[in-house]
Amino acid sequence: LIDLSQGGISFKSHSRTEFKRGDQFYILEVESKVLEEGIKAVVRYVKPMDQFGIDLKIGVEFLGKFK
């Protein structure tokens, strides 16, 4: 986890193929804490965190909650 706000979240990934812009998914837990209500989210950006591109920063926008 890099950043968490009311509007979204960003986190680090090592996989170049796991996330791409526009992917939608559900967040069920954050930092090993299970959420009471899940959050639907969409990937807004995938960018390298350094010049080597080994670590990627995944920027996600929250779309709403679900049960």
PDB file of N, CA and C in Angstrom:
ATOM      1  N   LEU A   1       0.849  -1.180   0.000  1.00  0.00           N
ATOM      2  CA  LEU A   1       0.000   0.000   0.000  1.00  0.00           C
ATOM      3  C   LEU A   1       0.888   1.235   0.000  1.00  0.00           C
ATOM      4  N   ILE A   2       0.655   2.123  -0.955  1.00  0.00           N
ATOM      5  CA  ILE A   2       1.418   3.370  -1.030  1.00  0.00           C
ATOM      6  C   ILE A   2       0.588   4.521  -0.498  1.00  0.00           C
ATOM      7  N   ASP A   3      -0.672   4.581  -0.914  1.00  0.00           N
ATOM      8  CA  ASP A   3      -1.523   5.714  -0.546  1.00  0.00           C
ATOM      9  C   ASP A   3      -2.971   5.247  -0.475  1.00  0.00           C
ATOM     10  N   LEU A   4      -3.710   5.802   0.486  1.00  0.00           N
ATOM     11  CA  LEU A   4      -5.133   5.498   0.637  1.00  0.00           C
ATOM     12  C   LEU A   4      -5.857   6.799   0.923  1.00  0.00           C
ATOM     13  N   SER A   5      -6.907   7.097   0.148  1.00  0.00           N
ATOM     14  CA  SER A   5      -7.701   8.299   0.378  1.00  0.00           C
ATOM     15  C   SER A   5      -9.171   7.942   0.212  1.00  0.00           C
ATOM     16  N   GLN A   6     -10.056   8.918   0.382  1.00  0.00           N
ATOM     17  CA  GLN A   6     -11.488   8.660   0.211  1.00  0.00           C
ATOM     18  C   GLN A   6     -11.815   8.299  -1.228  1.00  0.00           C
ATOM     19  N   GLY A   7     -11.041   8.830  -2.188  1.00  0.00           N
ATOM     20  CA  GLY A   7     -11.361   8.621  -3.595  1.00  0.00           C
ATOM     21  C   GLY A   7     -10.661   7.457  -4.254  1.00  0.00           C
ATOM     22  N   GLY A   8      -9.623   6.932  -3.612  1.00  0.00           N
ATOM     23  CA  GLY A   8      -8.894   5.855  -4.263  1.00  0.00           C
ATOM     24  C   GLY A   8      -7.735   5.334  -3.441  1.00  0.00           C
ATOM     25  N   ILE A   9      -6.921   4.533  -4.113  1.00  0.00           N
ATOM     26  CA  ILE A   9      -5.807   3.867  -3.454  1.00  0.00           C
ATOM     27  C   ILE A   9      -4.696   3.686  -4.492  1.00  0.00           C
ATOM     28  N   SER A  10      -3.474   3.647  -4.044  1.00  0.00           N
ATOM     29  CA  SER A  10      -2.385   3.236  -4.926  1.00  0.00           C
ATOM     30  C   SER A  10      -1.539   2.216  -4.181  1.00  0.00           C
ATOM     31  N   PHE A  11      -0.994   1.290  -4.945  1.00  0.00           N
ATOM     32  CA  PHE A  11      -0.190   0.231  -4.350  1.00  0.00           C
ATOM     33  C   PHE A  11       0.887  -0.195  -5.325  1.00  0.00           C
ATOM     34  N   LYS A  12       1.842  -0.949  -4.821  1.00  0.00           N
ATOM     35  CA  LYS A  12       2.976  -1.402  -5.614  1.00  0.00           C
ATOM     36  C   LYS A  12       2.736  -2.818  -6.116  1.00  0.00           C
ATOM     37  N   SER A  13       3.187  -3.073  -7.352  1.00  0.00           N
ATOM     38  CA  SER A  13       3.105  -4.399  -7.945  1.00  0.00           C
ATOM     39  C   SER A  13       4.400  -4.676  -8.685  1.00  0.00           C
ATOM     40  N   HIS A  14       4.746  -5.944  -8.823  1.00  0.00           N
ATOM     41  CA  HIS A  14       5.921  -6.344  -9.591  1.00  0.00           C
ATOM     42  C   HIS A  14       5.522  -6.929 -10.940  1.00  0.00           C
ATOM     43  N   SER A  15       4.235  -7.152 -11.140  1.00  0.00           N
ATOM     44  CA  SER A  15       3.762  -7.816 -12.352  1.00  0.00           C
ATOM     45  C   SER A  15       3.359  -6.804 -13.420  1.00  0.00           C
ATOM     46  N   ARG A  16       3.929  -6.927 -14.605  1.00  0.00           N
ATOM     47  CA  ARG A  16       3.588  -6.053 -15.724  1.00  0.00           C
ATOM     48  C   ARG A  16       2.271  -6.458 -16.384  1.00  0.00           C
ATOM     49  N   THR A  17       1.778  -7.651 -16.097  1.00  0.00           N
ATOM     50  CA  THR A  17       0.579  -8.148 -16.775  1.00  0.00           C
ATOM     51  C   THR A  17      -0.644  -8.270 -15.872  1.00  0.00           C
ATOM     52  N   GLU A  18      -0.468  -8.152 -14.565  1.00  0.00           N
ATOM     53  CA  GLU A  18      -1.598  -8.367 -13.646  1.00  0.00           C
ATOM     54  C   GLU A  18      -2.638  -7.248 -13.728  1.00  0.00           C
ATOM     55  N   PHE A  19      -2.216  -5.997 -13.888  1.00  0.00           N
ATOM     56  CA  PHE A  19      -3.133  -4.855 -13.912  1.00  0.00           C
ATOM     57  C   PHE A  19      -2.914  -4.037 -15.173  1.00  0.00           C
ATOM     58  N   LYS A  20      -4.034  -3.571 -15.773  1.00  0.00           N
ATOM     59  CA  LYS A  20      -3.932  -2.637 -16.880  1.00  0.00           C
ATOM     60  C   LYS A  20      -5.027  -1.581 -16.735  1.00  0.00           C
ATOM     61  N   ARG A  21      -4.805  -0.433 -17.330  1.00  0.00           N
ATOM     62  CA  ARG A  21      -5.756   0.666 -17.227  1.00  0.00           C
ATOM     63  C   ARG A  21      -7.146   0.220 -17.673  1.00  0.00           C
ATOM     64  N   GLY A  22      -8.151   0.557 -16.864  1.00  0.00           N
ATOM     65  CA  GLY A  22      -9.531   0.198 -17.166  1.00  0.00           C
ATOM     66  C   GLY A  22     -10.009  -1.080 -16.502  1.00  0.00           C
ATOM     67  N   ASP A  23      -9.094  -1.892 -15.966  1.00  0.00           N
ATOM     68  CA  ASP A  23      -9.505  -3.105 -15.255  1.00  0.00           C
ATOM     69  C   ASP A  23     -10.378  -2.740 -14.057  1.00  0.00           C
ATOM     70  N   GLN A  24     -11.468  -3.469 -13.870  1.00  0.00           N
ATOM     71  CA  GLN A  24     -12.306  -3.275 -12.688  1.00  0.00           C
ATOM     72  C   GLN A  24     -12.180  -4.507 -11.802  1.00  0.00           C
ATOM     73  N   PHE A  25     -12.204  -4.269 -10.496  1.00  0.00           N
ATOM     74  CA  PHE A  25     -12.093  -5.368  -9.544  1.00  0.00           C
ATOM     75  C   PHE A  25     -12.692  -4.945  -8.212  1.00  0.00           C
ATOM     76  N   TYR A  26     -12.728  -5.866  -7.262  1.00  0.00           N
ATOM     77  CA  TYR A  26     -13.295  -5.612  -5.941  1.00  0.00           C
ATOM     78  C   TYR A  26     -12.199  -5.673  -4.899  1.00  0.00           C
ATOM     79  N   ILE A  27     -12.208  -4.705  -3.991  1.00  0.00           N
ATOM     80  CA  ILE A  27     -11.269  -4.687  -2.864  1.00  0.00           C
ATOM     81  C   ILE A  27     -12.026  -5.221  -1.653  1.00  0.00           C
ATOM     82  N   LEU A  28     -11.526  -6.311  -1.093  1.00  0.00           N
ATOM     83  CA  LEU A  28     -12.192  -6.954   0.035  1.00  0.00           C
ATOM     84  C   LEU A  28     -11.439  -6.755   1.339  1.00  0.00           C
ATOM     85  N   GLU A  29     -10.144  -6.427   1.244  1.00  0.00           N
ATOM     86  CA  GLU A  29      -9.355  -6.161   2.441  1.00  0.00           C
ATOM     87  C   GLU A  29      -8.232  -5.187   2.094  1.00  0.00           C
ATOM     88  N   VAL A  30      -7.775  -4.460   3.112  1.00  0.00           N
ATOM     89  CA  VAL A  30      -6.668  -3.516   2.979  1.00  0.00           C
ATOM     90  C   VAL A  30      -5.698  -3.776   4.112  1.00  0.00           C
ATOM     91  N   GLU A  31      -4.442  -4.049   3.750  1.00  0.00           N
ATOM     92  CA  GLU A  31      -3.396  -4.312   4.746  1.00  0.00           C
ATOM     93  C   GLU A  31      -3.831  -5.409   5.720  1.00  0.00           C
ATOM     94  N   SER A  32      -4.369  -6.492   5.193  1.00  0.00           N
ATOM     95  CA  SER A  32      -4.822  -7.676   5.948  1.00  0.00           C
ATOM     96  C   SER A  32      -6.043  -7.418   6.820  1.00  0.00           C
ATOM     97  N   LYS A  33      -6.692  -6.264   6.685  1.00  0.00           N
ATOM     98  CA  LYS A  33      -7.913  -5.977   7.431  1.00  0.00           C
ATOM     99  C   LYS A  33      -9.106  -6.179   6.496  1.00  0.00           C
ATOM    100  N   VAL A  34      -9.977  -7.129   6.838  1.00  0.00           N
ATOM    101  CA  VAL A  34     -11.167  -7.399   6.036  1.00  0.00           C
ATOM    102  C   VAL A  34     -12.144  -6.241   6.204  1.00  0.00           C
ATOM    103  N   LEU A  35     -12.644  -5.711   5.082  1.00  0.00           N
ATOM    104  CA  LEU A  35     -13.582  -4.594   5.113  1.00  0.00           C
ATOM    105  C   LEU A  35     -15.001  -5.087   5.357  1.00  0.00           C
ATOM    106  N   GLU A  36     -15.796  -4.309   6.092  1.00  0.00           N
ATOM    107  CA  GLU A  36     -17.200  -4.675   6.324  1.00  0.00           C
ATOM    108  C   GLU A  36     -17.975  -4.654   5.017  1.00  0.00           C
ATOM    109  N   GLU A  37     -17.685  -3.664   4.181  1.00  0.00           N
ATOM    110  CA  GLU A  37     -18.279  -3.562   2.852  1.00  0.00           C
ATOM    111  C   GLU A  37     -17.141  -3.544   1.843  1.00  0.00           C
ATOM    112  N   GLY A  38     -17.250  -4.349   0.799  1.00  0.00           N
ATOM    113  CA  GLY A  38     -16.238  -4.338  -0.240  1.00  0.00           C
ATOM    114  C   GLY A  38     -16.333  -3.059  -1.063  1.00  0.00           C
ATOM    115  N   ILE A  39     -15.305  -2.779  -1.832  1.00  0.00           N
ATOM    116  CA  ILE A  39     -15.272  -1.578  -2.656  1.00  0.00           C
ATOM    117  C   ILE A  39     -15.007  -1.985  -4.107  1.00  0.00           C
ATOM    118  N   LYS A  40     -15.853  -1.530  -5.010  1.00  0.00           N
ATOM    119  CA  LYS A  40     -15.621  -1.726  -6.441  1.00  0.00           C
ATOM    120  C   LYS A  40     -14.648  -0.636  -6.889  1.00  0.00           C
ATOM    121  N   ALA A  41     -13.671  -1.008  -7.735  1.00  0.00           N
ATOM    122  CA  ALA A  41     -12.625  -0.063  -8.115  1.00  0.00           C
ATOM    123  C   ALA A  41     -12.220  -0.266  -9.576  1.00  0.00           C
ATOM    124  N   VAL A  42     -11.576   0.770 -10.138  1.00  0.00           N
ATOM    125  CA  VAL A  42     -11.078   0.706 -11.513  1.00  0.00           C
ATOM    126  C   VAL A  42      -9.635   1.224 -11.541  1.00  0.00           C
ATOM    127  N   VAL A  43      -8.780   0.554 -12.301  1.00  0.00           N
ATOM    128  CA  VAL A  43      -7.382   0.975 -12.449  1.00  0.00           C
ATOM    129  C   VAL A  43      -7.350   2.198 -13.361  1.00  0.00           C
ATOM    130  N   ARG A  44      -6.766   3.289 -12.878  1.00  0.00           N
ATOM    131  CA  ARG A  44      -6.656   4.527 -13.655  1.00  0.00           C
ATOM    132  C   ARG A  44      -5.277   4.698 -14.276  1.00  0.00           C
ATOM    133  N   TYR A  45      -4.240   4.167 -13.614  1.00  0.00           N
ATOM    134  CA  TYR A  45      -2.903   4.229 -14.210  1.00  0.00           C
ATOM    135  C   TYR A  45      -2.007   3.127 -13.685  1.00  0.00           C
ATOM    136  N   VAL A  46      -1.035   2.771 -14.503  1.00  0.00           N
ATOM    137  CA  VAL A  46       0.031   1.840 -14.143  1.00  0.00           C
ATOM    138  C   VAL A  46       1.311   2.499 -14.618  1.00  0.00           C
ATOM    139  N   LYS A  47       2.211   2.835 -13.674  1.00  0.00           N
ATOM    140  CA  LYS A  47       3.441   3.506 -14.089  1.00  0.00           C
ATOM    141  C   LYS A  47       4.631   3.003 -13.284  1.00  0.00           C
ATOM    142  N   PRO A  48       5.822   3.052 -13.893  1.00  0.00           N
ATOM    143  CA  PRO A  48       7.029   2.615 -13.183  1.00  0.00           C
ATOM    144  C   PRO A  48       7.317   3.526 -11.995  1.00  0.00           C
ATOM    145  N   MET A  49       7.849   2.940 -10.925  1.00  0.00           N
ATOM    146  CA  MET A  49       8.186   3.722  -9.736  1.00  0.00           C
ATOM    147  C   MET A  49       9.624   4.248  -9.795  1.00  0.00           C
ATOM    148  N   ASP A  50      10.437   3.688 -10.692  1.00  0.00           N
ATOM    149  CA  ASP A  50      11.825   4.149 -10.821  1.00  0.00           C
ATOM    150  C   ASP A  50      12.277   3.953 -12.264  1.00  0.00           C
ATOM    151  N   GLN A  51      13.515   4.313 -12.562  1.00  0.00           N
ATOM    152  CA  GLN A  51      14.006   4.235 -13.938  1.00  0.00           C
ATOM    153  C   GLN A  51      14.153   2.807 -14.450  1.00  0.00           C
ATOM    154  N   PHE A  52      14.199   1.824 -13.569  1.00  0.00           N
ATOM    155  CA  PHE A  52      14.362   0.438 -13.984  1.00  0.00           C
ATOM    156  C   PHE A  52      13.032  -0.236 -14.324  1.00  0.00           C
ATOM    157  N   GLY A  53      11.930   0.297 -13.816  1.00  0.00           N
ATOM    158  CA  GLY A  53      10.613  -0.242 -14.120  1.00  0.00           C
ATOM    159  C   GLY A  53      10.312  -1.584 -13.490  1.00  0.00           C
ATOM    160  N   ILE A  54      11.054  -1.939 -12.452  1.00  0.00           N
ATOM    161  CA  ILE A  54      10.816  -3.220 -11.783  1.00  0.00           C
ATOM    162  C   ILE A  54       9.556  -3.151 -10.923  1.00  0.00           C
ATOM    163  N   ASP A  55       9.440  -2.091 -10.147  1.00  0.00           N
ATOM    164  CA  ASP A  55       8.254  -1.878  -9.324  1.00  0.00           C
ATOM    165  C   ASP A  55       7.308  -0.932 -10.055  1.00  0.00           C
ATOM    166  N   LEU A  56       6.018  -1.275 -10.048  1.00  0.00           N
ATOM    167  CA  LEU A  56       5.004  -0.459 -10.704  1.00  0.00           C
ATOM    168  C   LEU A  56       4.059   0.120  -9.665  1.00  0.00           C
ATOM    169  N   LYS A  57       3.637   1.357  -9.870  1.00  0.00           N
ATOM    170  CA  LYS A  57       2.640   1.983  -9.013  1.00  0.00           C
ATOM    171  C   LYS A  57       1.296   1.872  -9.728  1.00  0.00           C
ATOM    172  N   ILE A  58       0.327   1.269  -9.053  1.00  0.00           N
ATOM    173  CA  ILE A  58      -1.005   1.057  -9.600  1.00  0.00           C
ATOM    174  C   ILE A  58      -1.943   2.062  -8.936  1.00  0.00           C
ATOM    175  N   GLY A  59      -2.511   2.960  -9.714  1.00  0.00           N
ATOM    176  CA  GLY A  59      -3.448   3.964  -9.201  1.00  0.00           C
ATOM    177  C   GLY A  59      -4.875   3.526  -9.458  1.00  0.00           C
ATOM    178  N   VAL A  60      -5.692   3.520  -8.423  1.00  0.00           N
ATOM    179  CA  VAL A  60      -7.047   2.971  -8.490  1.00  0.00           C
ATOM    180  C   VAL A  60      -8.056   3.998  -7.971  1.00  0.00           C
ATOM    181  N   GLU A  61      -9.172   4.125  -8.680  1.00  0.00           N
ATOM    182  CA  GLU A  61     -10.270   4.978  -8.251  1.00  0.00           C
ATOM    183  C   GLU A  61     -11.390   4.109  -7.693  1.00  0.00           C
ATOM    184  N   PHE A  62     -11.943   4.506  -6.544  1.00  0.00           N
ATOM    185  CA  PHE A  62     -13.079   3.789  -5.969  1.00  0.00           C
ATOM    186  C   PHE A  62     -14.344   4.141  -6.750  1.00  0.00           C
ATOM    187  N   LEU A  63     -15.166   3.144  -7.062  1.00  0.00           N
ATOM    188  CA  LEU A  63     -16.415   3.349  -7.783  1.00  0.00           C
ATOM    189  C   LEU A  63     -17.642   3.229  -6.883  1.00  0.00           C
ATOM    190  N   GLY A  64     -17.482   2.631  -5.725  1.00  0.00           N
ATOM    191  CA  GLY A  64     -18.592   2.499  -4.802  1.00  0.00           C
ATOM    192  C   GLY A  64     -18.463   1.230  -3.961  1.00  0.00           C
ATOM    193  N   LYS A  65     -19.323   1.130  -2.957  1.00  0.00           N
ATOM    194  CA  LYS A  65     -19.292  -0.013  -2.049  1.00  0.00           C
ATOM    195  C   LYS A  65     -20.279  -1.075  -2.491  1.00  0.00           C
ATOM    196  N   PHE A  66     -20.059  -2.292  -2.019  1.00  0.00           N
ATOM    197  CA  PHE A  66     -20.996  -3.386  -2.249  1.00  0.00           C
ATOM    198  C   PHE A  66     -20.955  -4.303  -1.042  1.00  0.00           C
ATOM    199  N   LYS A  67     -21.970  -5.111  -0.878  1.00  0.00           N
ATOM    200  CA  LYS A  67     -22.025  -6.073   0.236  1.00  0.00           C
ATOM    201  C   LYS A  67     -21.964  -7.467  -0.298  1.00  0.00           C
TER     202      LYS A  67
END
